Structures are given as C-alpha cells and as structure tokens.
Amino acid sequence: MKKFTLLTAGLLLAASGALAQSQTPSTSQTTPAANTEQNPGAPVAGKNSFTEDQAKSRIEEAGYTDVTGLKLDDQGVWRATASKDGKTVNVSLDFQGNVTLAK
C-alpha cells in the first residue's frame, strides 16, 4: 500500500509539472516599440523635460549645426537659430522630441 501511495504521488507531481509548462505566446503586434515618426502637428506644446544640453544635442542629431539662442518658451517648446544646408533657420524642439522649422 505504501508503494502504491508513493507511486500515485509521483505521477501526480509529474503530471502537474507538465501542465505548468507554458507555450510561447504568438502575437500579431505591428506597433513599433518606439515612435520614430514625427508628429505632423509639431511642435506640440507641453511640459518639456529636455535640458538645454539635451535639446541642443537633439537638434544637432536632426542635422542642424551652429545651434544658438536656445530658449524654452512658455509653451514648453525649445526654440533656437541653427544652420542647415548653408542656410540659417529658426528651429523648434517639442516635448515629444520633434525637431521642426519654427512656425
């Protein structure tokens, strides 16, 4: 009787272990992990967490050089003068990271 009880307990443990295994979930997710597209309504007003140095770097990463006069306006948009393709332009950086020609 003792052997039967041990055998039954062993089988129950083995069966519960097999049931506990999970399958890899399959998804049909097509949304990218990060938004890499620029918002067409940019610059978007909002609380901006970019520091001045981060804002300047972000503008330079967008292909602008000689970034000067960088100021955070009352709408939370960084604004500056910069050069690109030999032209001096006014640029803006919003809290979403969109770098655009200033409106």
PDB file of N, CA and C in Angstrom:
ATOM      1  N   MET A   1       0.816  -1.186   0.000  1.00  0.00           N
ATOM      2  CA  MET A   1       0.000   0.000   0.000  1.00  0.00           C
ATOM      3  C   MET A   1       0.866   1.260   0.000  1.00  0.00           C
ATOM      4  N   LYS A   2       1.959   1.205   0.739  1.00  0.00           N
ATOM      5  CA  LYS A   2       2.864   2.346   0.824  1.00  0.00           C
ATOM      6  C   LYS A   2       3.483   2.638  -0.546  1.00  0.00           C
ATOM      7  N   LYS A   3       3.838   1.584  -1.303  1.00  0.00           N
ATOM      8  CA  LYS A   3       4.414   1.772  -2.634  1.00  0.00           C
ATOM      9  C   LYS A   3       3.396   2.394  -3.584  1.00  0.00           C
ATOM     10  N   PHE A   4       2.136   1.950  -3.449  1.00  0.00           N
ATOM     11  CA  PHE A   4       1.078   2.490  -4.302  1.00  0.00           C
ATOM     12  C   PHE A   4       0.872   3.987  -4.046  1.00  0.00           C
ATOM     13  N   THR A   5       0.912   4.397  -2.790  1.00  0.00           N
ATOM     14  CA  THR A   5       0.742   5.801  -2.425  1.00  0.00           C
ATOM     15  C   THR A   5       1.890   6.643  -2.972  1.00  0.00           C
ATOM     16  N   LEU A   6       3.117   6.131  -2.842  1.00  0.00           N
ATOM     17  CA  LEU A   6       4.278   6.859  -3.365  1.00  0.00           C
ATOM     18  C   LEU A   6       4.224   6.955  -4.888  1.00  0.00           C
ATOM     19  N   LEU A   7       3.807   5.865  -5.535  1.00  0.00           N
ATOM     20  CA  LEU A   7       3.709   5.855  -6.987  1.00  0.00           C
ATOM     21  C   LEU A   7       2.652   6.862  -7.453  1.00  0.00           C
ATOM     22  N   THR A   8       1.517   6.905  -6.796  1.00  0.00           N
ATOM     23  CA  THR A   8       0.448   7.828  -7.140  1.00  0.00           C
ATOM     24  C   THR A   8       0.910   9.276  -6.944  1.00  0.00           C
ATOM     25  N   ALA A   9       1.585   9.546  -5.831  1.00  0.00           N
ATOM     26  CA  ALA A   9       2.078  10.898  -5.562  1.00  0.00           C
ATOM     27  C   ALA A   9       3.089  11.316  -6.621  1.00  0.00           C
ATOM     28  N   GLY A  10       3.963  10.393  -7.013  1.00  0.00           N
ATOM     29  CA  GLY A  10       4.957  10.691  -8.040  1.00  0.00           C
ATOM     30  C   GLY A  10       4.315  11.006  -9.374  1.00  0.00           C
ATOM     31  N   LEU A  11       3.296  10.260  -9.756  1.00  0.00           N
ATOM     32  CA  LEU A  11       2.602  10.501 -11.017  1.00  0.00           C
ATOM     33  C   LEU A  11       1.873  11.854 -11.002  1.00  0.00           C
ATOM     34  N   LEU A  12       1.273  12.172  -9.868  1.00  0.00           N
ATOM     35  CA  LEU A  12       0.593  13.461  -9.758  1.00  0.00           C
ATOM     36  C   LEU A  12       1.571  14.625  -9.881  1.00  0.00           C
ATOM     37  N   LEU A  13       2.740  14.500  -9.272  1.00  0.00           N
ATOM     38  CA  LEU A  13       3.757  15.552  -9.377  1.00  0.00           C
ATOM     39  C   LEU A  13       4.250  15.705 -10.811  1.00  0.00           C
ATOM     40  N   ALA A  14       4.463  14.578 -11.476  1.00  0.00           N
ATOM     41  CA  ALA A  14       4.942  14.626 -12.860  1.00  0.00           C
ATOM     42  C   ALA A  14       3.900  15.256 -13.767  1.00  0.00           C
ATOM     43  N   ALA A  15       2.638  14.938 -13.552  1.00  0.00           N
ATOM     44  CA  ALA A  15       1.567  15.495 -14.377  1.00  0.00           C
ATOM     45  C   ALA A  15       1.405  16.992 -14.137  1.00  0.00           C
ATOM     46  N   SER A  16       1.527  17.421 -12.885  1.00  0.00           N
ATOM     47  CA  SER A  16       1.375  18.854 -12.610  1.00  0.00           C
ATOM     48  C   SER A  16       2.528  19.652 -13.200  1.00  0.00           C
ATOM     49  N   GLY A  17       3.721  19.082 -13.250  1.00  0.00           N
ATOM     50  CA  GLY A  17       4.865  19.760 -13.861  1.00  0.00           C
ATOM     51  C   GLY A  17       4.664  19.944 -15.350  1.00  0.00           C
ATOM     52  N   ALA A  18       4.081  18.949 -16.001  1.00  0.00           N
ATOM     53  CA  ALA A  18       3.831  19.049 -17.440  1.00  0.00           C
ATOM     54  C   ALA A  18       2.771  20.105 -17.728  1.00  0.00           C
ATOM     55  N   LEU A  19       1.776  20.215 -16.866  1.00  0.00           N
ATOM     56  CA  LEU A  19       0.729  21.211 -17.067  1.00  0.00           C
ATOM     57  C   LEU A  19       1.227  22.623 -16.806  1.00  0.00           C
ATOM     58  N   ALA A  20       2.252  22.772 -15.973  1.00  0.00           N
ATOM     59  CA  ALA A  20       2.759  24.095 -15.623  1.00  0.00           C
ATOM     60  C   ALA A  20       3.596  24.715 -16.734  1.00  0.00           C
ATOM     61  N   GLN A  21       4.029  23.927 -17.689  1.00  0.00           N
ATOM     62  CA  GLN A  21       4.835  24.471 -18.771  1.00  0.00           C
ATOM     63  C   GLN A  21       3.967  25.366 -19.638  1.00  0.00           C
ATOM     64  N   SER A  22       4.540  26.471 -20.074  1.00  0.00           N
ATOM     65  CA  SER A  22       3.768  27.401 -20.898  1.00  0.00           C
ATOM     66  C   SER A  22       4.322  27.432 -22.308  1.00  0.00           C
ATOM     67  N   GLN A  23       3.470  27.809 -23.222  1.00  0.00           N
ATOM     68  CA  GLN A  23       3.886  27.952 -24.607  1.00  0.00           C
ATOM     69  C   GLN A  23       4.295  29.395 -24.853  1.00  0.00           C
ATOM     70  N   THR A  24       5.116  29.612 -25.837  1.00  0.00           N
ATOM     71  CA  THR A  24       5.497  30.969 -26.220  1.00  0.00           C
ATOM     72  C   THR A  24       4.282  31.619 -26.869  1.00  0.00           C
ATOM     73  N   PRO A  25       3.867  32.777 -26.356  1.00  0.00           N
ATOM     74  CA  PRO A  25       2.675  33.416 -26.927  1.00  0.00           C
ATOM     75  C   PRO A  25       2.948  33.911 -28.337  1.00  0.00           C
ATOM     76  N   SER A  26       1.960  33.770 -29.174  1.00  0.00           N
ATOM     77  CA  SER A  26       2.086  34.307 -30.526  1.00  0.00           C
ATOM     78  C   SER A  26       1.271  35.590 -30.586  1.00  0.00           C
ATOM     79  N   THR A  27       1.858  36.629 -31.154  1.00  0.00           N
ATOM     80  CA  THR A  27       1.163  37.910 -31.247  1.00  0.00           C
ATOM     81  C   THR A  27       1.165  38.388 -32.683  1.00  0.00           C
ATOM     82  N   SER A  28       0.281  39.282 -32.948  1.00  0.00           N
ATOM     83  CA  SER A  28       0.241  39.906 -34.268  1.00  0.00           C
ATOM     84  C   SER A  28       0.487  41.398 -34.124  1.00  0.00           C
ATOM     85  N   GLN A  29       1.328  41.742 -33.164  1.00  0.00           N
ATOM     86  CA  GLN A  29       1.605  43.146 -32.865  1.00  0.00           C
ATOM     87  C   GLN A  29       2.412  43.773 -33.989  1.00  0.00           C
ATOM     88  N   THR A  30       1.944  44.912 -34.459  1.00  0.00           N
ATOM     89  CA  THR A  30       2.661  45.627 -35.516  1.00  0.00           C
ATOM     90  C   THR A  30       3.113  47.004 -35.065  1.00  0.00           C
ATOM     91  N   THR A  31       2.810  47.368 -33.830  1.00  0.00           N
ATOM     92  CA  THR A  31       3.199  48.668 -33.312  1.00  0.00           C
ATOM     93  C   THR A  31       4.675  48.654 -32.945  1.00  0.00           C
ATOM     94  N   PRO A  32       5.468  49.607 -33.428  1.00  0.00           N
ATOM     95  CA  PRO A  32       6.887  49.625 -33.061  1.00  0.00           C
ATOM     96  C   PRO A  32       7.072  49.958 -31.590  1.00  0.00           C
ATOM     97  N   ALA A  33       8.203  49.562 -31.038  1.00  0.00           N
ATOM     98  CA  ALA A  33       8.486  49.815 -29.629  1.00  0.00           C
ATOM     99  C   ALA A  33       8.613  51.300 -29.338  1.00  0.00           C
ATOM    100  N   ALA A  34       9.113  52.049 -30.285  1.00  0.00           N
ATOM    101  CA  ALA A  34       9.278  53.492 -30.095  1.00  0.00           C
ATOM    102  C   ALA A  34       8.727  54.209 -31.311  1.00  0.00           C
ATOM    103  N   ASN A  35       8.156  55.345 -31.067  1.00  0.00           N
ATOM    104  CA  ASN A  35       7.617  56.137 -32.162  1.00  0.00           C
ATOM    105  C   ASN A  35       8.765  56.861 -32.854  1.00  0.00           C
ATOM    106  N   THR A  36       9.019  56.493 -34.097  1.00  0.00           N
ATOM    107  CA  THR A  36      10.118  57.110 -34.838  1.00  0.00           C
ATOM    108  C   THR A  36       9.615  58.111 -35.880  1.00  0.00           C
ATOM    109  N   GLU A  37       8.303  58.248 -35.993  1.00  0.00           N
ATOM    110  CA  GLU A  37       7.748  59.190 -36.951  1.00  0.00           C
ATOM    111  C   GLU A  37       7.495  60.531 -36.269  1.00  0.00           C
ATOM    112  N   GLN A  38       7.677  61.580 -37.013  1.00  0.00           N
ATOM    113  CA  GLN A  38       7.464  62.916 -36.465  1.00  0.00           C
ATOM    114  C   GLN A  38       5.985  63.253 -36.494  1.00  0.00           C
ATOM    115  N   ASN A  39       5.532  63.891 -35.450  1.00  0.00           N
ATOM    116  CA  ASN A  39       4.151  64.326 -35.349  1.00  0.00           C
ATOM    117  C   ASN A  39       3.909  65.442 -36.358  1.00  0.00           C
ATOM    118  N   PRO A  40       2.928  65.284 -37.252  1.00  0.00           N
ATOM    119  CA  PRO A  40       2.695  66.331 -38.253  1.00  0.00           C
ATOM    120  C   PRO A  40       2.205  67.641 -37.651  1.00  0.00           C
ATOM    121  N   GLY A  41       1.713  67.622 -36.416  1.00  0.00           N
ATOM    122  CA  GLY A  41       1.258  68.839 -35.756  1.00  0.00           C
ATOM    123  C   GLY A  41       2.338  69.504 -34.924  1.00  0.00           C
ATOM    124  N   ALA A  42       3.581  69.052 -35.071  1.00  0.00           N
ATOM    125  CA  ALA A  42       4.695  69.572 -34.269  1.00  0.00           C
ATOM    126  C   ALA A  42       5.002  71.008 -34.659  1.00  0.00           C
ATOM    127  N   PRO A  43       5.480  71.831 -33.768  1.00  0.00           N
ATOM    128  CA  PRO A  43       5.800  71.497 -32.390  1.00  0.00           C
ATOM    129  C   PRO A  43       4.550  71.466 -31.505  1.00  0.00           C
ATOM    130  N   VAL A  44       4.543  70.503 -30.590  1.00  0.00           N
ATOM    131  CA  VAL A  44       3.411  70.307 -29.705  1.00  0.00           C
ATOM    132  C   VAL A  44       3.722  70.946 -28.356  1.00  0.00           C
ATOM    133  N   ALA A  45       2.814  71.797 -27.883  1.00  0.00           N
ATOM    134  CA  ALA A  45       3.005  72.436 -26.584  1.00  0.00           C
ATOM    135  C   ALA A  45       2.831  71.410 -25.478  1.00  0.00           C
ATOM    136  N   GLY A  46       3.625  71.528 -24.438  1.00  0.00           N
ATOM    137  CA  GLY A  46       3.515  70.620 -23.303  1.00  0.00           C
ATOM    138  C   GLY A  46       4.733  70.732 -22.418  1.00  0.00           C
ATOM    139  N   LYS A  47       4.637  70.126 -21.249  1.00  0.00           N
ATOM    140  CA  LYS A  47       5.738  70.179 -20.296  1.00  0.00           C
ATOM    141  C   LYS A  47       6.945  69.459 -20.887  1.00  0.00           C
ATOM    142  N   ASN A  48       8.032  70.189 -21.062  1.00  0.00           N
ATOM    143  CA  ASN A  48       9.234  69.669 -21.708  1.00  0.00           C
ATOM    144  C   ASN A  48      10.257  69.262 -20.659  1.00  0.00           C
ATOM    145  N   SER A  49      10.756  68.031 -20.758  1.00  0.00           N
ATOM    146  CA  SER A  49      11.731  67.542 -19.782  1.00  0.00           C
ATOM    147  C   SER A  49      13.161  67.555 -20.316  1.00  0.00           C
ATOM    148  N   PHE A  50      13.357  68.018 -21.558  1.00  0.00           N
ATOM    149  CA  PHE A  50      14.708  68.109 -22.106  1.00  0.00           C
ATOM    150  C   PHE A  50      15.478  69.233 -21.409  1.00  0.00           C
ATOM    151  N   THR A  51      16.719  68.944 -21.027  1.00  0.00           N
ATOM    152  CA  THR A  51      17.583  70.008 -20.534  1.00  0.00           C
ATOM    153  C   THR A  51      18.070  70.808 -21.738  1.00  0.00           C
ATOM    154  N   GLU A  52      18.702  71.934 -21.498  1.00  0.00           N
ATOM    155  CA  GLU A  52      19.220  72.744 -22.604  1.00  0.00           C
ATOM    156  C   GLU A  52      20.237  71.953 -23.425  1.00  0.00           C
ATOM    157  N   ASP A  53      21.136  71.243 -22.747  1.00  0.00           N
ATOM    158  CA  ASP A  53      22.145  70.442 -23.466  1.00  0.00           C
ATOM    159  C   ASP A  53      21.492  69.321 -24.284  1.00  0.00           C
ATOM    160  N   GLN A  54      20.474  68.671 -23.711  1.00  0.00           N
ATOM    161  CA  GLN A  54      19.781  67.611 -24.437  1.00  0.00           C
ATOM    162  C   GLN A  54      19.045  68.172 -25.646  1.00  0.00           C
ATOM    163  N   ALA A  55      18.432  69.337 -25.478  1.00  0.00           N
ATOM    164  CA  ALA A  55      17.717  69.968 -26.584  1.00  0.00           C
ATOM    165  C   ALA A  55      18.680  70.303 -27.718  1.00  0.00           C
ATOM    166  N   LYS A  56      19.828  70.860 -27.374  1.00  0.00           N
ATOM    167  CA  LYS A  56      20.818  71.213 -28.393  1.00  0.00           C
ATOM    168  C   LYS A  56      21.304  69.954 -29.118  1.00  0.00           C
ATOM    169  N   SER A  57      21.578  68.897 -28.367  1.00  0.00           N
ATOM    170  CA  SER A  57      22.033  67.637 -28.974  1.00  0.00           C
ATOM    171  C   SER A  57      20.978  67.056 -29.900  1.00  0.00           C
ATOM    172  N   ARG A  58      19.727  67.115 -29.477  1.00  0.00           N
ATOM    173  CA  ARG A  58      18.635  66.570 -30.287  1.00  0.00           C
ATOM    174  C   ARG A  58      18.506  67.337 -31.608  1.00  0.00           C
ATOM    175  N   ILE A  59      18.637  68.650 -31.544  1.00  0.00           N
ATOM    176  CA  ILE A  59      18.572  69.475 -32.757  1.00  0.00           C
ATOM    177  C   ILE A  59      19.756  69.150 -33.673  1.00  0.00           C
ATOM    178  N   GLU A  60      20.937  69.001 -33.096  1.00  0.00           N
ATOM    179  CA  GLU A  60      22.121  68.655 -33.894  1.00  0.00           C
ATOM    180  C   GLU A  60      21.987  67.265 -34.517  1.00  0.00           C
ATOM    181  N   GLU A  61      21.387  66.325 -33.797  1.00  0.00           N
ATOM    182  CA  GLU A  61      21.172  64.976 -34.343  1.00  0.00           C
ATOM    183  C   GLU A  61      20.225  65.011 -35.539  1.00  0.00           C
ATOM    184  N   ALA A  62      19.379  66.040 -35.602  1.00  0.00           N
ATOM    185  CA  ALA A  62      18.456  66.195 -36.729  1.00  0.00           C
ATOM    186  C   ALA A  62      19.139  66.833 -37.941  1.00  0.00           C
ATOM    187  N   GLY A  63      20.449  67.099 -37.840  1.00  0.00           N
ATOM    188  CA  GLY A  63      21.207  67.608 -38.981  1.00  0.00           C
ATOM    189  C   GLY A  63      21.499  69.089 -38.969  1.00  0.00           C
ATOM    190  N   TYR A  64      21.193  69.764 -37.879  1.00  0.00           N
ATOM    191  CA  TYR A  64      21.453  71.202 -37.786  1.00  0.00           C
ATOM    192  C   TYR A  64      22.788  71.452 -37.091  1.00  0.00           C
ATOM    193  N   THR A  65      23.433  72.542 -37.459  1.00  0.00           N
ATOM    194  CA  THR A  65      24.703  72.927 -36.842  1.00  0.00           C
ATOM    195  C   THR A  65      24.586  74.352 -36.328  1.00  0.00           C
ATOM    196  N   ASP A  66      25.608  74.797 -35.630  1.00  0.00           N
ATOM    197  CA  ASP A  66      25.658  76.172 -35.111  1.00  0.00           C
ATOM    198  C   ASP A  66      24.359  76.562 -34.394  1.00  0.00           C
ATOM    199  N   VAL A  67      23.914  75.714 -33.481  1.00  0.00           N
ATOM    200  CA  VAL A  67      22.689  75.974 -32.728  1.00  0.00           C
ATOM    201  C   VAL A  67      22.971  77.074 -31.708  1.00  0.00           C
ATOM    202  N   THR A  68      22.263  78.202 -31.829  1.00  0.00           N
ATOM    203  CA  THR A  68      22.474  79.338 -30.923  1.00  0.00           C
ATOM    204  C   THR A  68      21.137  79.885 -30.456  1.00  0.00           C
ATOM    205  N   GLY A  69      21.192  80.674 -29.372  1.00  0.00           N
ATOM    206  CA  GLY A  69      19.998  81.338 -28.866  1.00  0.00           C
ATOM    207  C   GLY A  69      18.926  80.388 -28.372  1.00  0.00           C
ATOM    208  N   LEU A  70      19.318  79.242 -27.859  1.00  0.00           N
ATOM    209  CA  LEU A  70      18.356  78.222 -27.424  1.00  0.00           C
ATOM    210  C   LEU A  70      17.604  78.684 -26.182  1.00  0.00           C
ATOM    211  N   LYS A  71      16.284  78.772 -26.298  1.00  0.00           N
ATOM    212  CA  LYS A  71      15.426  79.234 -25.195  1.00  0.00           C
ATOM    213  C   LYS A  71      14.181  78.358 -25.125  1.00  0.00           C
ATOM    214  N   LEU A  72      13.731  78.098 -23.902  1.00  0.00           N
ATOM    215  CA  LEU A  72      12.488  77.362 -23.680  1.00  0.00           C
ATOM    216  C   LEU A  72      11.362  78.380 -23.556  1.00  0.00           C
ATOM    217  N   ASP A  73      10.352  78.295 -24.457  1.00  0.00           N
ATOM    218  CA  ASP A  73       9.270  79.290 -24.408  1.00  0.00           C
ATOM    219  C   ASP A  73       8.191  78.884 -23.400  1.00  0.00           C
ATOM    220  N   ASP A  74       7.178  79.724 -23.258  1.00  0.00           N
ATOM    221  CA  ASP A  74       6.127  79.479 -22.270  1.00  0.00           C
ATOM    222  C   ASP A  74       5.197  78.326 -22.642  1.00  0.00           C
ATOM    223  N   GLN A  75       5.335  77.781 -23.836  1.00  0.00           N
ATOM    224  CA  GLN A  75       4.549  76.622 -24.278  1.00  0.00           C
ATOM    225  C   GLN A  75       5.304  75.300 -24.083  1.00  0.00           C
ATOM    226  N   GLY A  76       6.536  75.383 -23.557  1.00  0.00           N
ATOM    227  CA  GLY A  76       7.343  74.183 -23.346  1.00  0.00           C
ATOM    228  C   GLY A  76       8.074  73.729 -24.595  1.00  0.00           C
ATOM    229  N   VAL A  77       8.283  74.646 -25.535  1.00  0.00           N
ATOM    230  CA  VAL A  77       8.978  74.343 -26.794  1.00  0.00           C
ATOM    231  C   VAL A  77      10.324  75.042 -26.795  1.00  0.00           C
ATOM    232  N   TRP A  78      11.399  74.259 -27.042  1.00  0.00           N
ATOM    233  CA  TRP A  78      12.727  74.844 -27.190  1.00  0.00           C
ATOM    234  C   TRP A  78      12.805  75.493 -28.559  1.00  0.00           C
ATOM    235  N   ARG A  79      13.325  76.704 -28.630  1.00  0.00           N
ATOM    236  CA  ARG A  79      13.467  77.425 -29.905  1.00  0.00           C
ATOM    237  C   ARG A  79      14.902  77.923 -30.035  1.00  0.00           C
ATOM    238  N   ALA A  80      15.433  77.864 -31.255  1.00  0.00           N
ATOM    239  CA  ALA A  80      16.814  78.282 -31.494  1.00  0.00           C
ATOM    240  C   ALA A  80      16.993  78.688 -32.945  1.00  0.00           C
ATOM    241  N   THR A  81      18.144  79.263 -33.212  1.00  0.00           N
ATOM    242  CA  THR A  81      18.586  79.546 -34.570  1.00  0.00           C
ATOM    243  C   THR A  81      19.672  78.526 -34.877  1.00  0.00           C
ATOM    244  N   ALA A  82      19.637  77.964 -36.082  1.00  0.00           N
ATOM    245  CA  ALA A  82      20.630  76.951 -36.452  1.00  0.00           C
ATOM    246  C   ALA A  82      20.872  77.008 -37.956  1.00  0.00           C
ATOM    247  N   SER A  83      21.885  76.279 -38.395  1.00  0.00           N
ATOM    248  CA  SER A  83      22.212  76.228 -39.821  1.00  0.00           C
ATOM    249  C   SER A  83      22.008  74.831 -40.360  1.00  0.00           C
ATOM    250  N   LYS A  84      21.545  74.780 -41.601  1.00  0.00           N
ATOM    251  CA  LYS A  84      21.413  73.502 -42.304  1.00  0.00           C
ATOM    252  C   LYS A  84      21.467  73.785 -43.798  1.00  0.00           C
ATOM    253  N   ASP A  85      22.264  73.021 -44.497  1.00  0.00           N
ATOM    254  CA  ASP A  85      22.425  73.188 -45.948  1.00  0.00           C
ATOM    255  C   ASP A  85      22.809  74.610 -46.314  1.00  0.00           C
ATOM    256  N   GLY A  86      23.653  75.232 -45.474  1.00  0.00           N
ATOM    257  CA  GLY A  86      24.147  76.567 -45.761  1.00  0.00           C
ATOM    258  C   GLY A  86      23.166  77.690 -45.462  1.00  0.00           C
ATOM    259  N   LYS A  87      22.010  77.362 -44.884  1.00  0.00           N
ATOM    260  CA  LYS A  87      21.004  78.381 -44.579  1.00  0.00           C
ATOM    261  C   LYS A  87      20.808  78.480 -43.079  1.00  0.00           C
ATOM    262  N   THR A  88      20.586  79.685 -42.591  1.00  0.00           N
ATOM    263  CA  THR A  88      20.263  79.910 -41.187  1.00  0.00           C
ATOM    264  C   THR A  88      18.746  79.892 -41.051  1.00  0.00           C
ATOM    265  N   VAL A  89      18.255  79.046 -40.125  1.00  0.00           N
ATOM    266  CA  VAL A  89      16.814  78.883 -39.942  1.00  0.00           C
ATOM    267  C   VAL A  89      16.470  78.905 -38.460  1.00  0.00           C
ATOM    268  N   ASN A  90      15.190  79.128 -38.172  1.00  0.00           N
ATOM    269  CA  ASN A  90      14.688  79.016 -36.809  1.00  0.00           C
ATOM    270  C   ASN A  90      14.121  77.610 -36.642  1.00  0.00           C
ATOM    271  N   VAL A  91      14.547  76.923 -35.585  1.00  0.00           N
ATOM    272  CA  VAL A  91      14.092  75.559 -35.336  1.00  0.00           C
ATOM    273  C   VAL A  91      13.419  75.474 -33.973  1.00  0.00           C
ATOM    274  N   SER A  92      12.632  74.418 -33.805  1.00  0.00           N
ATOM    275  CA  SER A  92      11.984  74.183 -32.526  1.00  0.00           C
ATOM    276  C   SER A  92      12.069  72.702 -32.176  1.00  0.00           C
ATOM    277  N   LEU A  93      12.025  72.434 -30.884  1.00  0.00           N
ATOM    278  CA  LEU A  93      12.036  71.068 -30.353  1.00  0.00           C
ATOM    279  C   LEU A  93      10.951  70.986 -29.296  1.00  0.00           C
ATOM    280  N   ASP A  94       9.962  70.101 -29.515  1.00  0.00           N
ATOM    281  CA  ASP A  94       8.896  69.984 -28.529  1.00  0.00           C
ATOM    282  C   ASP A  94       9.158  68.829 -27.558  1.00  0.00           C
ATOM    283  N   PHE A  95       8.262  68.654 -26.586  1.00  0.00           N
ATOM    284  CA  PHE A  95       8.461  67.647 -25.543  1.00  0.00           C
ATOM    285  C   PHE A  95       8.439  66.227 -26.092  1.00  0.00           C
ATOM    286  N   GLN A  96       7.899  66.014 -27.289  1.00  0.00           N
ATOM    287  CA  GLN A  96       7.874  64.702 -27.910  1.00  0.00           C
ATOM    288  C   GLN A  96       9.185  64.391 -28.633  1.00  0.00           C
ATOM    289  N   GLY A  97      10.060  65.385 -28.745  1.00  0.00           N
ATOM    290  CA  GLY A  97      11.324  65.184 -29.437  1.00  0.00           C
ATOM    291  C   GLY A  97      11.278  65.562 -30.910  1.00  0.00           C
ATOM    292  N   ASN A  98      10.177  66.161 -31.364  1.00  0.00           N
ATOM    293  CA  ASN A  98      10.061  66.591 -32.751  1.00  0.00           C
ATOM    294  C   ASN A  98      10.901  67.833 -33.000  1.00  0.00           C
ATOM    295  N   VAL A  99      11.790  67.763 -33.974  1.00  0.00           N
ATOM    296  CA  VAL A  99      12.591  68.923 -34.378  1.00  0.00           C
ATOM    297  C   VAL A  99      12.000  69.421 -35.685  1.00  0.00           C
ATOM    298  N   THR A 100      11.570  70.674 -35.682  1.00  0.00           N
ATOM    299  CA  THR A 100      10.913  71.237 -36.862  1.00  0.00           C
ATOM    300  C   THR A 100      11.404  72.662 -37.112  1.00  0.00           C
ATOM    301  N   LEU A 101      11.139  73.146 -38.295  1.00  0.00           N
ATOM    302  CA  LEU A 101      11.370  74.562 -38.570  1.00  0.00           C
ATOM    303  C   LEU A 101      10.325  75.316 -37.767  1.00  0.00           C
ATOM    304  N   ALA A 102      10.759  76.365 -37.088  1.00  0.00           N
ATOM    305  CA  ALA A 102       9.858  77.123 -36.213  1.00  0.00           C
ATOM    306  C   ALA A 102       8.757  77.778 -37.035  1.00  0.00           C
ATOM    307  N   LYS A 103       7.562  77.772 -36.461  1.00  0.00           N
ATOM    308  CA  LYS A 103       6.404  78.376 -37.123  1.00  0.00           C
ATOM    309  C   LYS A 103       6.315  79.835 -36.768  1.00  0.00           C
TER     310      LYS A 103
END
